[in-house]
Amino acid sequence: MAVLIYVLCAMTALVCAVLLLLGSRRAGSRMLFWSGLCFAGLAFTNLVVVVDALHVFPHENFSTLRLGSALVAMLLLLYGLIFEEK
């Protein structure tokens, strides 16, 4: 049951990323672009959580990859908030 929730979270983050990136392309907004990249990173993070929960690679620990990708995603959004806001 937990894996289903993780998959739904990954799919939701991916849909948000696609919609934000499409909106960024249509409106030309840099904030939408950085937000879309952040959600793409969060979708990747959730995908790593799914792989870790399913024990696809039972002897591997994905916690560093999971936390690192979440950090990169948040740093992308933070960069957009600080340097791209006009």
C-alpha atoms as a PDB file:
ATOM      1  CA  MET A   1       0.000   0.000   0.000  1.00  0.00           C
ATOM      2  CA  ALA A   2       2.847   2.387   0.788  1.00  0.00           C
ATOM      3  CA  VAL A   3       4.395   1.799  -2.638  1.00  0.00           C
ATOM      4  CA  LEU A   4       1.120   2.841  -4.273  1.00  0.00           C
ATOM      5  CA  ILE A   5       1.223   6.135  -2.377  1.00  0.00           C
ATOM      6  CA  TYR A   6       4.858   6.672  -3.433  1.00  0.00           C
ATOM      7  CA  VAL A   7       3.954   6.011  -7.079  1.00  0.00           C
ATOM      8  CA  LEU A   8       1.037   8.448  -6.888  1.00  0.00           C
ATOM      9  CA  CYS A   9       3.326  11.097  -5.384  1.00  0.00           C
ATOM     10  CA  ALA A  10       5.859  10.575  -8.171  1.00  0.00           C
ATOM     11  CA  MET A  11       3.161  10.822 -10.831  1.00  0.00           C
ATOM     12  CA  THR A  12       1.717  13.974  -9.253  1.00  0.00           C
ATOM     13  CA  ALA A  13       5.134  15.653  -9.116  1.00  0.00           C
ATOM     14  CA  LEU A  14       5.769  14.688 -12.744  1.00  0.00           C
ATOM     15  CA  VAL A  15       2.412  16.116 -13.878  1.00  0.00           C
ATOM     16  CA  CYS A  16       3.119  19.321 -11.948  1.00  0.00           C
ATOM     17  CA  ALA A  17       6.552  19.576 -13.570  1.00  0.00           C
ATOM     18  CA  VAL A  18       5.133  19.136 -17.060  1.00  0.00           C
ATOM     19  CA  LEU A  19       2.368  21.683 -16.485  1.00  0.00           C
ATOM     20  CA  LEU A  20       4.760  24.224 -14.986  1.00  0.00           C
ATOM     21  CA  LEU A  21       7.265  23.822 -17.814  1.00  0.00           C
ATOM     22  CA  LEU A  22       4.534  24.121 -20.432  1.00  0.00           C
ATOM     23  CA  GLY A  23       3.187  27.223 -18.693  1.00  0.00           C
ATOM     24  CA  SER A  24       6.681  28.648 -18.572  1.00  0.00           C
ATOM     25  CA  ARG A  25       7.093  28.113 -22.280  1.00  0.00           C
ATOM     26  CA  ARG A  26       3.741  29.675 -23.070  1.00  0.00           C
ATOM     27  CA  ALA A  27       3.988  32.676 -20.729  1.00  0.00           C
ATOM     28  CA  GLY A  28       7.743  33.187 -20.814  1.00  0.00           C
ATOM     29  CA  SER A  29       7.913  33.249 -17.015  1.00  0.00           C
ATOM     30  CA  ARG A  30      11.270  32.329 -15.508  1.00  0.00           C
ATOM     31  CA  MET A  31       9.703  31.504 -12.129  1.00  0.00           C
ATOM     32  CA  LEU A  32       7.497  28.867 -13.746  1.00  0.00           C
ATOM     33  CA  PHE A  33      10.602  27.434 -15.397  1.00  0.00           C
ATOM     34  CA  TRP A  34      12.534  27.115 -12.134  1.00  0.00           C
ATOM     35  CA  SER A  35       9.483  25.732 -10.363  1.00  0.00           C
ATOM     36  CA  GLY A  36       9.066  23.168 -13.132  1.00  0.00           C
ATOM     37  CA  LEU A  37      12.684  22.099 -12.774  1.00  0.00           C
ATOM     38  CA  CYS A  38      12.197  21.791  -9.026  1.00  0.00           C
ATOM     39  CA  PHE A  39       9.170  19.551  -9.475  1.00  0.00           C
ATOM     40  CA  ALA A  40      11.044  17.462 -12.043  1.00  0.00           C
ATOM     41  CA  GLY A  41      13.737  16.917  -9.429  1.00  0.00           C
ATOM     42  CA  LEU A  42      11.110  16.040  -6.848  1.00  0.00           C
ATOM     43  CA  ALA A  43       9.570  13.548  -9.277  1.00  0.00           C
ATOM     44  CA  PHE A  44      12.988  11.929  -9.654  1.00  0.00           C
ATOM     45  CA  THR A  45      13.333  11.866  -5.868  1.00  0.00           C
ATOM     46  CA  ASN A  46       9.972  10.136  -5.553  1.00  0.00           C
ATOM     47  CA  LEU A  47      10.983   7.653  -8.233  1.00  0.00           C
ATOM     48  CA  VAL A  48      14.079   6.781  -6.196  1.00  0.00           C
ATOM     49  CA  VAL A  49      11.817   6.290  -3.164  1.00  0.00           C
ATOM     50  CA  VAL A  50       9.684   3.849  -5.182  1.00  0.00           C
ATOM     51  CA  VAL A  51      12.761   1.895  -6.310  1.00  0.00           C
ATOM     52  CA  ASP A  52      14.022   1.820  -2.733  1.00  0.00           C
ATOM     53  CA  ALA A  53      10.637   0.713  -1.343  1.00  0.00           C
ATOM     54  CA  LEU A  54      10.292  -2.080  -3.914  1.00  0.00           C
ATOM     55  CA  HIS A  55      13.779  -3.371  -3.041  1.00  0.00           C
ATOM     56  CA  VAL A  56      14.731  -3.591  -6.723  1.00  0.00           C
ATOM     57  CA  PHE A  57      18.354  -3.563  -5.634  1.00  0.00           C
ATOM     58  CA  PRO A  58      18.210  -5.159  -2.178  1.00  0.00           C
ATOM     59  CA  HIS A  59      21.837  -4.537  -1.194  1.00  0.00           C
ATOM     60  CA  GLU A  60      21.940  -0.881  -2.257  1.00  0.00           C
ATOM     61  CA  ASN A  61      21.175   2.116  -0.075  1.00  0.00           C
ATOM     62  CA  PHE A  62      19.585   4.952  -2.017  1.00  0.00           C
ATOM     63  CA  SER A  63      19.261   7.409   0.838  1.00  0.00           C
ATOM     64  CA  THR A  64      22.187   9.553  -0.332  1.00  0.00           C
ATOM     65  CA  LEU A  65      20.839   9.718  -3.895  1.00  0.00           C
ATOM     66  CA  ARG A  66      17.342  10.464  -2.613  1.00  0.00           C
ATOM     67  CA  LEU A  67      18.453  13.265  -0.315  1.00  0.00           C
ATOM     68  CA  GLY A  68      20.916  14.647  -2.865  1.00  0.00           C
ATOM     69  CA  SER A  69      18.301  14.872  -5.597  1.00  0.00           C
ATOM     70  CA  ALA A  70      15.850  16.550  -3.209  1.00  0.00           C
ATOM     71  CA  LEU A  71      18.563  19.038  -2.254  1.00  0.00           C
ATOM     72  CA  VAL A  72      19.317  19.839  -5.898  1.00  0.00           C
ATOM     73  CA  ALA A  73      15.595  20.282  -6.612  1.00  0.00           C
ATOM     74  CA  MET A  74      15.179  22.700  -3.721  1.00  0.00           C
ATOM     75  CA  LEU A  75      18.343  24.593  -4.676  1.00  0.00           C
ATOM     76  CA  LEU A  76      16.965  25.080  -8.193  1.00  0.00           C
ATOM     77  CA  LEU A  77      13.810  26.625  -6.778  1.00  0.00           C
ATOM     78  CA  LEU A  78      15.802  28.735  -4.334  1.00  0.00           C
ATOM     79  CA  TYR A  79      17.998  30.004  -7.170  1.00  0.00           C
ATOM     80  CA  GLY A  80      14.911  30.956  -9.127  1.00  0.00           C
ATOM     81  CA  LEU A  81      13.406  32.733  -6.150  1.00  0.00           C
ATOM     82  CA  ILE A  82      16.545  34.724  -5.417  1.00  0.00           C
ATOM     83  CA  PHE A  83      18.053  35.576  -8.786  1.00  0.00           C
ATOM     84  CA  GLU A  84      15.222  35.437 -11.328  1.00  0.00           C
ATOM     85  CA  GLU A  85      12.544  37.442  -9.561  1.00  0.00           C
ATOM     86  CA  LYS A  86      12.123  40.883 -11.108  1.00  0.00           C
END
